[in-house]
All heavy atoms as atom14 arrays in JSON, in Angstrom:
{
  "sequence": "AALMRRAFGIYFGAAPWAAVVSIVIMVVGGLT",
  "atom14_mask": [
    [1, 1, 1, 1, 1, 0, 0, 0, 0, 0, 0, 0, 0, 0],
    [1, 1, 1, 1, 1, 0, 0, 0, 0, 0, 0, 0, 0, 0],
    [1, 1, 1, 1, 1, 1, 1, 1, 0, 0, 0, 0, 0, 0],
    [1, 1, 1, 1, 1, 1, 1, 1, 0, 0, 0, 0, 0, 0],
    [1, 1, 1, 1, 1, 1, 1, 1, 1, 1, 1, 0, 0, 0],
    [1, 1, 1, 1, 1, 1, 1, 1, 1, 1, 1, 0, 0, 0],
    [1, 1, 1, 1, 1, 0, 0, 0, 0, 0, 0, 0, 0, 0],
    [1, 1, 1, 1, 1, 1, 1, 1, 1, 1, 1, 0, 0, 0],
    [1, 1, 1, 1, 0, 0, 0, 0, 0, 0, 0, 0, 0, 0],
    [1, 1, 1, 1, 1, 1, 1, 1, 0, 0, 0, 0, 0, 0],
    [1, 1, 1, 1, 1, 1, 1, 1, 1, 1, 1, 1, 0, 0],
    [1, 1, 1, 1, 1, 1, 1, 1, 1, 1, 1, 0, 0, 0],
    [1, 1, 1, 1, 0, 0, 0, 0, 0, 0, 0, 0, 0, 0],
    [1, 1, 1, 1, 1, 0, 0, 0, 0, 0, 0, 0, 0, 0],
    [1, 1, 1, 1, 1, 0, 0, 0, 0, 0, 0, 0, 0, 0],
    [1, 1, 1, 1, 1, 1, 1, 0, 0, 0, 0, 0, 0, 0],
    [1, 1, 1, 1, 1, 1, 1, 1, 1, 1, 1, 1, 1, 1],
    [1, 1, 1, 1, 1, 0, 0, 0, 0, 0, 0, 0, 0, 0],
    [1, 1, 1, 1, 1, 0, 0, 0, 0, 0, 0, 0, 0, 0],
    [1, 1, 1, 1, 1, 1, 1, 0, 0, 0, 0, 0, 0, 0],
    [1, 1, 1, 1, 1, 1, 1, 0, 0, 0, 0, 0, 0, 0],
    [1, 1, 1, 1, 1, 1, 0, 0, 0, 0, 0, 0, 0, 0],
    [1, 1, 1, 1, 1, 1, 1, 1, 0, 0, 0, 0, 0, 0],
    [1, 1, 1, 1, 1, 1, 1, 0, 0, 0, 0, 0, 0, 0],
    [1, 1, 1, 1, 1, 1, 1, 1, 0, 0, 0, 0, 0, 0],
    [1, 1, 1, 1, 1, 1, 1, 1, 0, 0, 0, 0, 0, 0],
    [1, 1, 1, 1, 1, 1, 1, 0, 0, 0, 0, 0, 0, 0],
    [1, 1, 1, 1, 1, 1, 1, 0, 0, 0, 0, 0, 0, 0],
    [1, 1, 1, 1, 0, 0, 0, 0, 0, 0, 0, 0, 0, 0],
    [1, 1, 1, 1, 0, 0, 0, 0, 0, 0, 0, 0, 0, 0],
    [1, 1, 1, 1, 1, 1, 1, 1, 0, 0, 0, 0, 0, 0],
    [1, 1, 1, 1, 1, 1, 1, 0, 0, 0, 0, 0, 0, 0]
  ],
  "atom14_positions": [
    [[-9.91, 10.72, -7.36], [-9.73, 10.47, -5.92], [-10.67, 9.23, -5.6], [-10.26, 8.42, -4.75], [-10.18, 11.67, -5.12], [0.0, 0.0, 0.0], [0.0, 0.0, 0.0], [0.0, 0.0, 0.0], [0.0, 0.0, 0.0], [0.0, 0.0, 0.0], [0.0, 0.0, 0.0], [0.0, 0.0, 0.0], [0.0, 0.0, 0.0], [0.0, 0.0, 0.0]],
    [[-11.84, 9.2, -6.22], [-12.74, 8.09, -5.89], [-12.18, 6.77, -6.39], [-12.25, 5.71, -5.71], [-14.1, 8.3, -6.54], [0.0, 0.0, 0.0], [0.0, 0.0, 0.0], [0.0, 0.0, 0.0], [0.0, 0.0, 0.0], [0.0, 0.0, 0.0], [0.0, 0.0, 0.0], [0.0, 0.0, 0.0], [0.0, 0.0, 0.0], [0.0, 0.0, 0.0]],
    [[-11.55, 6.79, -7.57], [-10.91, 5.59, -8.05], [-9.75, 5.08, -7.18], [-9.59, 3.91, -6.93], [-10.46, 5.81, -9.5], [-11.54, 5.98, -10.6], [-10.92, 6.3, -11.95], [-12.41, 4.76, -10.67], [0.0, 0.0, 0.0], [0.0, 0.0, 0.0], [0.0, 0.0, 0.0], [0.0, 0.0, 0.0], [0.0, 0.0, 0.0], [0.0, 0.0, 0.0]],
    [[-8.94, 6.05, -6.72], [-7.86, 5.69, -5.83], [-8.38, 5.13, -4.54], [-7.78, 4.14, -4.02], [-6.96, 6.93, -5.62], [-6.2, 7.43, -6.88], [-5.2, 6.16, -7.63], [-4.1, 5.7, -6.31], [0.0, 0.0, 0.0], [0.0, 0.0, 0.0], [0.0, 0.0, 0.0], [0.0, 0.0, 0.0], [0.0, 0.0, 0.0], [0.0, 0.0, 0.0]],
    [[-9.38, 5.72, -3.95], [-9.92, 5.17, -2.71], [-10.39, 3.74, -2.92], [-10.21, 2.9, -2.07], [-11.05, 6.03, -2.23], [-10.6, 7.36, -1.6], [-11.73, 8.02, -0.78], [-12.89, 8.3, -1.58], [-13.1, 9.38, -2.23], [-12.23, 10.36, -2.19], [-14.27, 9.49, -2.9], [0.0, 0.0, 0.0], [0.0, 0.0, 0.0], [0.0, 0.0, 0.0]],
    [[-11.05, 3.5, -4.08], [-11.56, 2.18, -4.39], [-10.45, 1.2, -4.47], [-10.53, 0.06, -3.94], [-12.37, 2.27, -5.65], [-13.08, 0.93, -5.95], [-14.47, 0.83, -5.32], [-15.15, -0.26, -5.89], [-15.16, -1.56, -5.36], [-14.42, -1.79, -4.27], [-15.84, -2.46, -5.97], [0.0, 0.0, 0.0], [0.0, 0.0, 0.0], [0.0, 0.0, 0.0]],
    [[-9.4, 1.59, -5.23], [-8.27, 0.67, -5.44], [-7.56, 0.38, -4.11], [-7.26, -0.86, -3.83], [-7.25, 1.28, -6.4], [0.0, 0.0, 0.0], [0.0, 0.0, 0.0], [0.0, 0.0, 0.0], [0.0, 0.0, 0.0], [0.0, 0.0, 0.0], [0.0, 0.0, 0.0], [0.0, 0.0, 0.0], [0.0, 0.0, 0.0], [0.0, 0.0, 0.0]],
    [[-7.31, 1.35, -3.27], [-6.64, 1.1, -1.99], [-7.56, 0.31, -1.08], [-7.08, -0.5, -0.37], [-6.27, 2.4, -1.41], [-5.1, 3.1, -1.98], [-5.04, 4.51, -2.07], [-4.12, 2.37, -2.56], [-3.98, 5.15, -2.67], [-3.01, 3.01, -3.16], [-2.94, 4.33, -3.25], [0.0, 0.0, 0.0], [0.0, 0.0, 0.0], [0.0, 0.0, 0.0]],
    [[-8.86, 0.56, -1.18], [-9.81, -0.26, -0.32], [-9.72, -1.73, -0.69], [-9.76, -2.59, 0.24], [0.0, 0.0, 0.0], [0.0, 0.0, 0.0], [0.0, 0.0, 0.0], [0.0, 0.0, 0.0], [0.0, 0.0, 0.0], [0.0, 0.0, 0.0], [0.0, 0.0, 0.0], [0.0, 0.0, 0.0], [0.0, 0.0, 0.0], [0.0, 0.0, 0.0]],
    [[-9.66, -2.02, -1.97], [-9.57, -3.41, -2.45], [-8.24, -4.03, -1.95], [-8.16, -5.13, -1.42], [-9.67, -3.49, -3.95], [-11.1, -3.17, -4.38], [-9.32, -4.95, -4.41], [-11.3, -3.06, -5.89], [0.0, 0.0, 0.0], [0.0, 0.0, 0.0], [0.0, 0.0, 0.0], [0.0, 0.0, 0.0], [0.0, 0.0, 0.0], [0.0, 0.0, 0.0]],
    [[-7.1, -3.22, -2.16], [-5.76, -3.78, -1.9], [-5.62, -3.96, -0.36], [-5.19, -5.08, 0.02], [-4.69, -2.82, -2.46], [-3.33, -3.38, -2.36], [-2.79, -4.18, -3.39], [-2.51, -3.13, -1.23], [-1.54, -4.67, -3.36], [-1.17, -3.68, -1.23], [-0.7, -4.44, -2.27], [0.56, -4.9, -2.25], [0.0, 0.0, 0.0], [0.0, 0.0, 0.0]],
    [[-5.91, -2.98, 0.4], [-5.71, -3.02, 1.9], [-6.66, -4.08, 2.45], [-6.35, -4.72, 3.46], [-5.9, -1.71, 2.49], [-4.64, -0.87, 2.43], [-4.31, -0.21, 1.19], [-3.74, -0.67, 3.5], [-3.19, 0.61, 1.07], [-2.64, 0.08, 3.39], [-2.33, 0.7, 2.17], [0.0, 0.0, 0.0], [0.0, 0.0, 0.0], [0.0, 0.0, 0.0]],
    [[-7.88, -4.14, 1.88], [-8.83, -5.1, 2.41], [-8.48, -6.55, 2.1], [-8.67, -7.47, 2.92], [0.0, 0.0, 0.0], [0.0, 0.0, 0.0], [0.0, 0.0, 0.0], [0.0, 0.0, 0.0], [0.0, 0.0, 0.0], [0.0, 0.0, 0.0], [0.0, 0.0, 0.0], [0.0, 0.0, 0.0], [0.0, 0.0, 0.0], [0.0, 0.0, 0.0]],
    [[-7.88, -6.75, 0.91], [-7.52, -8.13, 0.52], [-6.27, -8.62, 1.14], [-6.09, -9.76, 1.49], [-7.5, -8.28, -0.97], [0.0, 0.0, 0.0], [0.0, 0.0, 0.0], [0.0, 0.0, 0.0], [0.0, 0.0, 0.0], [0.0, 0.0, 0.0], [0.0, 0.0, 0.0], [0.0, 0.0, 0.0], [0.0, 0.0, 0.0], [0.0, 0.0, 0.0]],
    [[-5.25, -7.71, 1.18], [-3.92, -8.08, 1.7], [-3.38, -6.99, 2.63], [-2.4, -6.3, 2.24], [-3.01, -8.38, 0.5], [0.0, 0.0, 0.0], [0.0, 0.0, 0.0], [0.0, 0.0, 0.0], [0.0, 0.0, 0.0], [0.0, 0.0, 0.0], [0.0, 0.0, 0.0], [0.0, 0.0, 0.0], [0.0, 0.0, 0.0], [0.0, 0.0, 0.0]],
    [[-3.89, -6.87, 3.81], [-3.43, -5.79, 4.69], [-1.94, -5.94, 5.1], [-1.23, -4.91, 5.2], [-4.34, -5.86, 5.92], [-4.97, -7.31, 5.91], [-4.97, -7.64, 4.42], [0.0, 0.0, 0.0], [0.0, 0.0, 0.0], [0.0, 0.0, 0.0], [0.0, 0.0, 0.0], [0.0, 0.0, 0.0], [0.0, 0.0, 0.0], [0.0, 0.0, 0.0]],
    [[-1.49, -7.14, 5.29], [-0.05, -7.32, 5.78], [0.86, -6.9, 4.58], [1.9, -6.25, 4.79], [0.16, -8.71, 6.23], [0.41, -9.68, 5.08], [-0.58, -10.39, 4.47], [1.6, -9.98, 4.43], [-0.02, -11.17, 3.5], [1.3, -10.96, 3.45], [2.93, -9.55, 4.59], [2.3, -11.5, 2.63], [3.86, -10.11, 3.75], [3.58, -11.06, 2.76]],
    [[0.5, -7.28, 3.4], [1.32, -6.87, 2.26], [1.32, -5.45, 1.97], [2.35, -4.81, 1.57], [0.85, -7.61, 1.02], [0.0, 0.0, 0.0], [0.0, 0.0, 0.0], [0.0, 0.0, 0.0], [0.0, 0.0, 0.0], [0.0, 0.0, 0.0], [0.0, 0.0, 0.0], [0.0, 0.0, 0.0], [0.0, 0.0, 0.0], [0.0, 0.0, 0.0]],
    [[0.22, -4.78, 2.33], [0.08, -3.29, 2.14], [1.09, -2.64, 3.14], [1.82, -1.66, 2.81], [-1.32, -2.81, 2.35], [0.0, 0.0, 0.0], [0.0, 0.0, 0.0], [0.0, 0.0, 0.0], [0.0, 0.0, 0.0], [0.0, 0.0, 0.0], [0.0, 0.0, 0.0], [0.0, 0.0, 0.0], [0.0, 0.0, 0.0], [0.0, 0.0, 0.0]],
    [[1.13, -3.07, 4.4], [2.01, -2.53, 5.37], [3.46, -2.73, 5.02], [4.35, -1.83, 5.02], [1.78, -3.07, 6.77], [2.81, -2.6, 7.84], [0.36, -2.7, 7.27], [0.0, 0.0, 0.0], [0.0, 0.0, 0.0], [0.0, 0.0, 0.0], [0.0, 0.0, 0.0], [0.0, 0.0, 0.0], [0.0, 0.0, 0.0], [0.0, 0.0, 0.0]],
    [[3.83, -3.99, 4.53], [5.16, -4.29, 4.09], [5.56, -3.35, 2.96], [6.67, -2.87, 2.9], [5.24, -5.76, 3.68], [6.59, -6.0, 2.98], [5.15, -6.6, 4.91], [0.0, 0.0, 0.0], [0.0, 0.0, 0.0], [0.0, 0.0, 0.0], [0.0, 0.0, 0.0], [0.0, 0.0, 0.0], [0.0, 0.0, 0.0], [0.0, 0.0, 0.0]],
    [[4.63, -3.13, 2.02], [5.02, -2.35, 0.85], [5.33, -0.89, 1.25], [6.13, -0.25, 0.61], [3.85, -2.38, -0.24], [2.65, -1.89, 0.28], [0.0, 0.0, 0.0], [0.0, 0.0, 0.0], [0.0, 0.0, 0.0], [0.0, 0.0, 0.0], [0.0, 0.0, 0.0], [0.0, 0.0, 0.0], [0.0, 0.0, 0.0], [0.0, 0.0, 0.0]],
    [[4.58, -0.38, 2.21], [4.91, 0.99, 2.7], [6.28, 1.11, 3.29], [7.07, 2.07, 3.03], [3.83, 1.44, 3.66], [2.45, 1.6, 3.0], [4.19, 2.81, 4.29], [1.28, 1.91, 3.86], [0.0, 0.0, 0.0], [0.0, 0.0, 0.0], [0.0, 0.0, 0.0], [0.0, 0.0, 0.0], [0.0, 0.0, 0.0], [0.0, 0.0, 0.0]],
    [[6.6, 0.15, 4.11], [7.96, 0.07, 4.74], [9.04, 0.0, 3.67], [10.03, 0.72, 3.68], [8.07, -1.1, 5.72], [9.5, -1.17, 6.3], [7.12, -0.92, 6.82], [0.0, 0.0, 0.0], [0.0, 0.0, 0.0], [0.0, 0.0, 0.0], [0.0, 0.0, 0.0], [0.0, 0.0, 0.0], [0.0, 0.0, 0.0], [0.0, 0.0, 0.0]],
    [[8.85, -0.85, 2.7], [9.76, -1.04, 1.6], [9.93, 0.26, 0.77], [10.97, 0.6, 0.32], [9.36, -2.23, 0.7], [9.5, -3.54, 1.46], [10.13, -2.3, -0.53], [8.96, -4.79, 0.78], [0.0, 0.0, 0.0], [0.0, 0.0, 0.0], [0.0, 0.0, 0.0], [0.0, 0.0, 0.0], [0.0, 0.0, 0.0], [0.0, 0.0, 0.0]],
    [[8.8, 1.0, 0.63], [8.84, 2.23, -0.13], [9.86, 3.18, 0.54], [10.7, 3.81, -0.12], [7.45, 2.86, -0.19], [7.38, 4.24, -0.81], [5.86, 5.09, -0.48], [6.0, 5.51, 1.25], [0.0, 0.0, 0.0], [0.0, 0.0, 0.0], [0.0, 0.0, 0.0], [0.0, 0.0, 0.0], [0.0, 0.0, 0.0], [0.0, 0.0, 0.0]],
    [[9.67, 3.33, 1.86], [10.52, 4.28, 2.58], [11.97, 3.79, 2.55], [12.95, 4.63, 2.21], [10.1, 4.38, 4.06], [10.99, 5.28, 4.86], [8.65, 4.92, 4.1], [0.0, 0.0, 0.0], [0.0, 0.0, 0.0], [0.0, 0.0, 0.0], [0.0, 0.0, 0.0], [0.0, 0.0, 0.0], [0.0, 0.0, 0.0], [0.0, 0.0, 0.0]],
    [[12.29, 2.54, 2.81], [13.6, 2.0, 2.82], [14.25, 2.11, 1.46], [15.38, 2.57, 1.25], [13.69, 0.6, 3.31], [15.03, 0.04, 3.26], [13.16, 0.51, 4.79], [0.0, 0.0, 0.0], [0.0, 0.0, 0.0], [0.0, 0.0, 0.0], [0.0, 0.0, 0.0], [0.0, 0.0, 0.0], [0.0, 0.0, 0.0], [0.0, 0.0, 0.0]],
    [[13.48, 1.72, 0.41], [13.94, 1.83, -0.93], [14.26, 3.24, -1.41], [15.23, 3.5, -2.11], [0.0, 0.0, 0.0], [0.0, 0.0, 0.0], [0.0, 0.0, 0.0], [0.0, 0.0, 0.0], [0.0, 0.0, 0.0], [0.0, 0.0, 0.0], [0.0, 0.0, 0.0], [0.0, 0.0, 0.0], [0.0, 0.0, 0.0], [0.0, 0.0, 0.0]],
    [[13.47, 4.19, -0.96], [13.69, 5.6, -1.32], [15.03, 6.13, -0.69], [15.68, 6.96, -1.22], [0.0, 0.0, 0.0], [0.0, 0.0, 0.0], [0.0, 0.0, 0.0], [0.0, 0.0, 0.0], [0.0, 0.0, 0.0], [0.0, 0.0, 0.0], [0.0, 0.0, 0.0], [0.0, 0.0, 0.0], [0.0, 0.0, 0.0], [0.0, 0.0, 0.0]],
    [[15.37, 5.56, 0.53], [16.57, 6.06, 1.2], [17.79, 5.3, 0.86], [18.91, 5.71, 1.2], [16.27, 6.0, 2.72], [15.19, 6.92, 3.24], [14.98, 6.67, 4.69], [15.55, 8.41, 3.0], [0.0, 0.0, 0.0], [0.0, 0.0, 0.0], [0.0, 0.0, 0.0], [0.0, 0.0, 0.0], [0.0, 0.0, 0.0], [0.0, 0.0, 0.0]],
    [[17.7, 4.14, 0.19], [18.85, 3.26, -0.08], [19.84, 4.02, -0.96], [21.07, 3.95, -0.72], [18.31, 2.0, -0.79], [17.51, 1.29, 0.15], [19.55, 1.09, -1.19], [0.0, 0.0, 0.0], [0.0, 0.0, 0.0], [0.0, 0.0, 0.0], [0.0, 0.0, 0.0], [0.0, 0.0, 0.0], [0.0, 0.0, 0.0], [0.0, 0.0, 0.0]]
  ]
}
């Protein structure tokens, strides 16, 4: 859990807009 928090902290901190886009794409891709 600590490693995942660290990885997400780095990713969302470095590229927040890309993180939001990737979540949207995840939902749409799963329903396609």
